[in-house]
């Protein structure tokens, strides 16, 4: 009985210590910025990111919510995440997030008026101060595909975050690089 109580106490202290440490591994003034560049089709919201203790290590967790505001079911859409360090330099850890249907656990089409959300867990903690999301592509159930306007997205980013002098690659490649 004493051994079980000791193990439970030790596990509780370790979890509490990791939880307290999590606050130290996040910038207090971090910014999660949504660029709603496809407002006639999909509305992004509740974007957040933070380093947390998960699966025996500290990892960057990202969460996002969305709503289909179009009149057509959405089969899939692609979100681009841009990340910047404390000196406003682009980090290569951003990239694309393919959302299939409603979310990663439900690939059925996102019907008009429906909302959903999802999250991602990174491999390690990351020194991200600012992160941006926008929609790059949408596939509708009728086969139509909508693609983003790069110049418009760049303009919106610069308006919201004029401190970013170098945006980096805002249109990351899809799939593996060609050899």
C-alpha atoms as a PDB file:
ATOM      1  CA  UNK A   1       0.000   0.000   0.000  1.00  0.00           C
ATOM      2  CA  UNK A   2       2.826   2.422   0.888  1.00  0.00           C
ATOM      3  CA  UNK A   3       4.584   1.678  -2.401  1.00  0.00           C
ATOM      4  CA  UNK A   4       1.428   2.402  -4.392  1.00  0.00           C
ATOM      5  CA  UNK A   5       0.889   5.693  -2.544  1.00  0.00           C
ATOM      6  CA  UNK A   6       4.541   6.663  -3.091  1.00  0.00           C
ATOM      7  CA  UNK A   7       4.305   5.912  -6.832  1.00  0.00           C
ATOM      8  CA  UNK A   8       1.042   7.889  -7.114  1.00  0.00           C
ATOM      9  CA  UNK A   9       2.622  10.796  -5.216  1.00  0.00           C
ATOM     10  CA  UNK A  10       5.744  10.669  -7.412  1.00  0.00           C
ATOM     11  CA  UNK A  11       3.686  10.585 -10.629  1.00  0.00           C
ATOM     12  CA  UNK A  12       1.577  13.505  -9.354  1.00  0.00           C
ATOM     13  CA  UNK A  13       4.658  15.559  -8.494  1.00  0.00           C
ATOM     14  CA  UNK A  14       6.245  14.816 -11.882  1.00  0.00           C
ATOM     15  CA  UNK A  15       3.082  15.878 -13.718  1.00  0.00           C
ATOM     16  CA  UNK A  16       2.792  18.992 -11.559  1.00  0.00           C
ATOM     17  CA  UNK A  17       6.452  19.834 -12.191  1.00  0.00           C
ATOM     18  CA  UNK A  18       6.013  19.388 -15.926  1.00  0.00           C
ATOM     19  CA  UNK A  19       2.888  21.533 -15.849  1.00  0.00           C
ATOM     20  CA  UNK A  20       4.698  24.313 -13.996  1.00  0.00           C
ATOM     21  CA  UNK A  21       7.624  24.033 -16.417  1.00  0.00           C
ATOM     22  CA  UNK A  22       5.240  24.392 -19.391  1.00  0.00           C
ATOM     23  CA  UNK A  23       4.612  28.022 -18.469  1.00  0.00           C
ATOM     24  CA  UNK A  24       8.354  28.628 -18.658  1.00  0.00           C
ATOM     25  CA  UNK A  25       8.535  27.172 -22.183  1.00  0.00           C
ATOM     26  CA  UNK A  26       6.087  29.615 -23.750  1.00  0.00           C
ATOM     27  CA  UNK A  27       6.431  33.290 -24.552  1.00  0.00           C
ATOM     28  CA  UNK A  28       3.929  35.222 -22.483  1.00  0.00           C
ATOM     29  CA  UNK A  29       3.086  37.593 -25.350  1.00  0.00           C
ATOM     30  CA  UNK A  30       2.923  34.994 -28.146  1.00  0.00           C
ATOM     31  CA  UNK A  31       0.588  35.831 -31.023  1.00  0.00           C
ATOM     32  CA  UNK A  32      -1.672  33.463 -32.935  1.00  0.00           C
ATOM     33  CA  UNK A  33      -2.908  35.364 -35.996  1.00  0.00           C
ATOM     34  CA  UNK A  34      -5.711  34.239 -38.308  1.00  0.00           C
ATOM     35  CA  UNK A  35      -5.825  35.492 -41.900  1.00  0.00           C
ATOM     36  CA  UNK A  36      -9.381  34.778 -43.073  1.00  0.00           C
ATOM     37  CA  UNK A  37      -8.593  34.969 -46.774  1.00  0.00           C
ATOM     38  CA  UNK A  38     -11.517  32.776 -47.928  1.00  0.00           C
ATOM     39  CA  UNK A  39     -14.390  34.439 -46.036  1.00  0.00           C
ATOM     40  CA  UNK A  40     -17.003  33.411 -48.598  1.00  0.00           C
ATOM     41  CA  UNK A  41     -16.152  29.704 -48.064  1.00  0.00           C
ATOM     42  CA  UNK A  42     -14.595  28.979 -44.697  1.00  0.00           C
ATOM     43  CA  UNK A  43     -14.098  30.951 -41.484  1.00  0.00           C
ATOM     44  CA  UNK A  44     -11.057  30.131 -39.309  1.00  0.00           C
ATOM     45  CA  UNK A  45     -11.128  30.855 -35.556  1.00  0.00           C
ATOM     46  CA  UNK A  46      -9.775  29.857 -32.139  1.00  0.00           C
ATOM     47  CA  UNK A  47      -6.209  29.478 -33.373  1.00  0.00           C
ATOM     48  CA  UNK A  48      -3.700  28.834 -30.602  1.00  0.00           C
ATOM     49  CA  UNK A  49      -0.323  27.253 -30.006  1.00  0.00           C
ATOM     50  CA  UNK A  50       1.686  26.409 -26.912  1.00  0.00           C
ATOM     51  CA  UNK A  51       4.456  24.125 -25.753  1.00  0.00           C
ATOM     52  CA  UNK A  52       3.088  21.481 -23.361  1.00  0.00           C
ATOM     53  CA  UNK A  53       4.318  18.325 -21.725  1.00  0.00           C
ATOM     54  CA  UNK A  54       2.916  15.364 -23.638  1.00  0.00           C
ATOM     55  CA  UNK A  55       4.032  11.783 -24.200  1.00  0.00           C
ATOM     56  CA  UNK A  56       7.185  12.083 -22.038  1.00  0.00           C
ATOM     57  CA  UNK A  57       8.506  15.275 -23.629  1.00  0.00           C
ATOM     58  CA  UNK A  58       7.695  18.907 -24.311  1.00  0.00           C
ATOM     59  CA  UNK A  59       5.932  19.431 -27.657  1.00  0.00           C
ATOM     60  CA  UNK A  60       4.366  22.290 -29.621  1.00  0.00           C
ATOM     61  CA  UNK A  61       0.575  21.884 -29.712  1.00  0.00           C
ATOM     62  CA  UNK A  62      -1.521  23.759 -32.269  1.00  0.00           C
ATOM     63  CA  UNK A  63      -5.321  24.092 -32.241  1.00  0.00           C
ATOM     64  CA  UNK A  64      -7.702  25.584 -34.797  1.00  0.00           C
ATOM     65  CA  UNK A  65     -11.456  25.763 -35.387  1.00  0.00           C
ATOM     66  CA  UNK A  66     -13.383  26.413 -38.626  1.00  0.00           C
ATOM     67  CA  UNK A  67     -16.849  26.800 -40.073  1.00  0.00           C
ATOM     68  CA  UNK A  68     -18.126  26.128 -43.594  1.00  0.00           C
ATOM     69  CA  UNK A  69     -19.887  29.392 -44.540  1.00  0.00           C
ATOM     70  CA  UNK A  70     -20.332  28.423 -48.198  1.00  0.00           C
ATOM     71  CA  UNK A  71     -23.387  26.804 -49.786  1.00  0.00           C
ATOM     72  CA  UNK A  72     -21.426  23.651 -50.779  1.00  0.00           C
ATOM     73  CA  UNK A  73     -20.018  20.721 -48.773  1.00  0.00           C
ATOM     74  CA  UNK A  74     -16.237  20.856 -48.324  1.00  0.00           C
ATOM     75  CA  UNK A  75     -14.353  17.570 -48.861  1.00  0.00           C
ATOM     76  CA  UNK A  76     -10.948  18.908 -47.755  1.00  0.00           C
ATOM     77  CA  UNK A  77      -9.072  22.121 -47.238  1.00  0.00           C
ATOM     78  CA  UNK A  78      -5.487  23.074 -46.644  1.00  0.00           C
ATOM     79  CA  UNK A  79      -4.252  25.513 -44.044  1.00  0.00           C
ATOM     80  CA  UNK A  80      -0.757  26.998 -44.084  1.00  0.00           C
ATOM     81  CA  UNK A  81       0.923  27.789 -40.778  1.00  0.00           C
ATOM     82  CA  UNK A  82       3.756  30.271 -40.693  1.00  0.00           C
ATOM     83  CA  UNK A  83       5.907  30.503 -37.567  1.00  0.00           C
ATOM     84  CA  UNK A  84       8.329  33.196 -36.429  1.00  0.00           C
ATOM     85  CA  UNK A  85      10.944  33.316 -33.690  1.00  0.00           C
ATOM     86  CA  UNK A  86      11.315  36.119 -31.086  1.00  0.00           C
ATOM     87  CA  UNK A  87      13.338  38.173 -33.588  1.00  0.00           C
ATOM     88  CA  UNK A  88      10.563  38.052 -36.237  1.00  0.00           C
ATOM     89  CA  UNK A  89      12.547  35.617 -38.380  1.00  0.00           C
ATOM     90  CA  UNK A  90      10.661  32.831 -40.168  1.00  0.00           C
ATOM     91  CA  UNK A  91      11.017  29.336 -38.724  1.00  0.00           C
ATOM     92  CA  UNK A  92      11.036  26.369 -41.073  1.00  0.00           C
ATOM     93  CA  UNK A  93       8.748  24.399 -38.740  1.00  0.00           C
ATOM     94  CA  UNK A  94       5.499  25.785 -40.145  1.00  0.00           C
ATOM     95  CA  UNK A  95       4.063  24.229 -43.249  1.00  0.00           C
ATOM     96  CA  UNK A  96       0.793  22.879 -44.502  1.00  0.00           C
ATOM     97  CA  UNK A  97      -2.000  21.172 -42.618  1.00  0.00           C
ATOM     98  CA  UNK A  98      -4.383  19.131 -44.761  1.00  0.00           C
ATOM     99  CA  UNK A  99      -7.813  18.901 -43.132  1.00  0.00           C
ATOM    100  CA  UNK A 100      -9.820  16.078 -44.645  1.00  0.00           C
ATOM    101  CA  UNK A 101     -13.554  16.556 -44.268  1.00  0.00           C
ATOM    102  CA  UNK A 102     -14.632  17.678 -40.825  1.00  0.00           C
ATOM    103  CA  UNK A 103     -11.341  16.892 -39.022  1.00  0.00           C
ATOM    104  CA  UNK A 104      -8.660  14.202 -38.666  1.00  0.00           C
ATOM    105  CA  UNK A 105     -11.117  11.847 -36.962  1.00  0.00           C
ATOM    106  CA  UNK A 106     -14.054  12.348 -39.338  1.00  0.00           C
ATOM    107  CA  UNK A 107     -13.399  12.522 -43.077  1.00  0.00           C
ATOM    108  CA  UNK A 108     -17.041  13.074 -43.996  1.00  0.00           C
ATOM    109  CA  UNK A 109     -17.636  16.356 -45.833  1.00  0.00           C
ATOM    110  CA  UNK A 110     -17.988  19.537 -43.800  1.00  0.00           C
ATOM    111  CA  UNK A 111     -21.535  20.518 -44.688  1.00  0.00           C
ATOM    112  CA  UNK A 112     -22.689  24.141 -45.143  1.00  0.00           C
ATOM    113  CA  UNK A 113     -23.106  25.776 -41.739  1.00  0.00           C
ATOM    114  CA  UNK A 114     -21.143  23.054 -39.895  1.00  0.00           C
ATOM    115  CA  UNK A 115     -18.219  23.821 -37.613  1.00  0.00           C
ATOM    116  CA  UNK A 116     -15.379  21.651 -36.417  1.00  0.00           C
ATOM    117  CA  UNK A 117     -11.919  21.860 -34.916  1.00  0.00           C
ATOM    118  CA  UNK A 118      -8.733  19.860 -34.579  1.00  0.00           C
ATOM    119  CA  UNK A 119      -5.231  20.036 -33.266  1.00  0.00           C
ATOM    120  CA  UNK A 120      -1.703  18.881 -33.977  1.00  0.00           C
ATOM    121  CA  UNK A 121       1.051  17.770 -31.641  1.00  0.00           C
ATOM    122  CA  UNK A 122       4.610  18.454 -32.749  1.00  0.00           C
ATOM    123  CA  UNK A 123       7.648  16.309 -32.024  1.00  0.00           C
ATOM    124  CA  UNK A 124       9.464  18.895 -29.849  1.00  0.00           C
ATOM    125  CA  UNK A 125       8.931  22.226 -28.152  1.00  0.00           C
ATOM    126  CA  UNK A 126       9.652  25.203 -30.401  1.00  0.00           C
ATOM    127  CA  UNK A 127      10.617  28.852 -29.713  1.00  0.00           C
ATOM    128  CA  UNK A 128       7.621  30.315 -31.573  1.00  0.00           C
ATOM    129  CA  UNK A 129       6.564  33.870 -30.687  1.00  0.00           C
ATOM    130  CA  UNK A 130       4.227  34.508 -33.635  1.00  0.00           C
ATOM    131  CA  UNK A 131       2.268  32.085 -35.784  1.00  0.00           C
ATOM    132  CA  UNK A 132      -0.068  32.806 -38.688  1.00  0.00           C
ATOM    133  CA  UNK A 133      -2.666  30.596 -40.391  1.00  0.00           C
ATOM    134  CA  UNK A 134      -4.516  31.035 -43.674  1.00  0.00           C
ATOM    135  CA  UNK A 135      -6.416  28.802 -46.127  1.00  0.00           C
ATOM    136  CA  UNK A 136      -4.430  27.832 -49.228  1.00  0.00           C
ATOM    137  CA  UNK A 137      -6.873  25.487 -50.993  1.00  0.00           C
ATOM    138  CA  UNK A 138     -10.405  24.110 -50.695  1.00  0.00           C
ATOM    139  CA  UNK A 139     -11.906  21.046 -52.436  1.00  0.00           C
ATOM    140  CA  UNK A 140     -15.691  21.067 -52.661  1.00  0.00           C
ATOM    141  CA  UNK A 141     -17.877  17.951 -52.983  1.00  0.00           C
ATOM    142  CA  UNK A 142     -18.861  18.942 -56.553  1.00  0.00           C
ATOM    143  CA  UNK A 143     -15.183  18.752 -57.631  1.00  0.00           C
ATOM    144  CA  UNK A 144     -14.495  22.508 -57.694  1.00  0.00           C
ATOM    145  CA  UNK A 145     -11.150  23.550 -56.220  1.00  0.00           C
ATOM    146  CA  UNK A 146     -10.478  27.040 -54.867  1.00  0.00           C
ATOM    147  CA  UNK A 147      -6.871  28.302 -54.556  1.00  0.00           C
ATOM    148  CA  UNK A 148      -5.605  31.269 -52.563  1.00  0.00           C
ATOM    149  CA  UNK A 149      -4.355  34.585 -53.948  1.00  0.00           C
ATOM    150  CA  UNK A 150      -0.732  34.880 -52.791  1.00  0.00           C
ATOM    151  CA  UNK A 151      -0.486  38.659 -53.202  1.00  0.00           C
ATOM    152  CA  UNK A 152      -3.671  39.188 -51.190  1.00  0.00           C
ATOM    153  CA  UNK A 153      -2.433  36.962 -48.336  1.00  0.00           C
ATOM    154  CA  UNK A 154       0.955  38.709 -48.249  1.00  0.00           C
ATOM    155  CA  UNK A 155      -0.798  42.086 -48.086  1.00  0.00           C
ATOM    156  CA  UNK A 156      -3.062  40.948 -45.222  1.00  0.00           C
ATOM    157  CA  UNK A 157      -0.083  39.561 -43.268  1.00  0.00           C
ATOM    158  CA  UNK A 158       1.865  42.811 -43.690  1.00  0.00           C
ATOM    159  CA  UNK A 159      -1.169  44.833 -42.560  1.00  0.00           C
ATOM    160  CA  UNK A 160      -1.691  42.737 -39.416  1.00  0.00           C
ATOM    161  CA  UNK A 161       2.004  42.277 -38.591  1.00  0.00           C
ATOM    162  CA  UNK A 162       4.098  45.140 -39.972  1.00  0.00           C
ATOM    163  CA  UNK A 163       6.990  44.084 -37.680  1.00  0.00           C
ATOM    164  CA  UNK A 164       7.634  41.091 -39.954  1.00  0.00           C
ATOM    165  CA  UNK A 165      10.193  42.394 -42.422  1.00  0.00           C
ATOM    166  CA  UNK A 166      10.849  38.951 -43.927  1.00  0.00           C
ATOM    167  CA  UNK A 167       7.787  36.750 -44.412  1.00  0.00           C
ATOM    168  CA  UNK A 168       9.714  33.685 -45.526  1.00  0.00           C
ATOM    169  CA  UNK A 169       8.074  31.071 -47.735  1.00  0.00           C
ATOM    170  CA  UNK A 170       4.344  31.687 -47.362  1.00  0.00           C
ATOM    171  CA  UNK A 171       3.496  29.020 -49.944  1.00  0.00           C
ATOM    172  CA  UNK A 172       5.364  25.886 -48.785  1.00  0.00           C
ATOM    173  CA  UNK A 173       5.794  23.024 -51.248  1.00  0.00           C
ATOM    174  CA  UNK A 174       3.331  20.136 -51.289  1.00  0.00           C
ATOM    175  CA  UNK A 175       4.732  16.630 -50.817  1.00  0.00           C
ATOM    176  CA  UNK A 176       8.324  15.601 -51.240  1.00  0.00           C
ATOM    177  CA  UNK A 177      10.723  17.833 -53.203  1.00  0.00           C
ATOM    178  CA  UNK A 178      11.469  16.618 -56.735  1.00  0.00           C
ATOM    179  CA  UNK A 179      14.911  15.114 -57.287  1.00  0.00           C
END
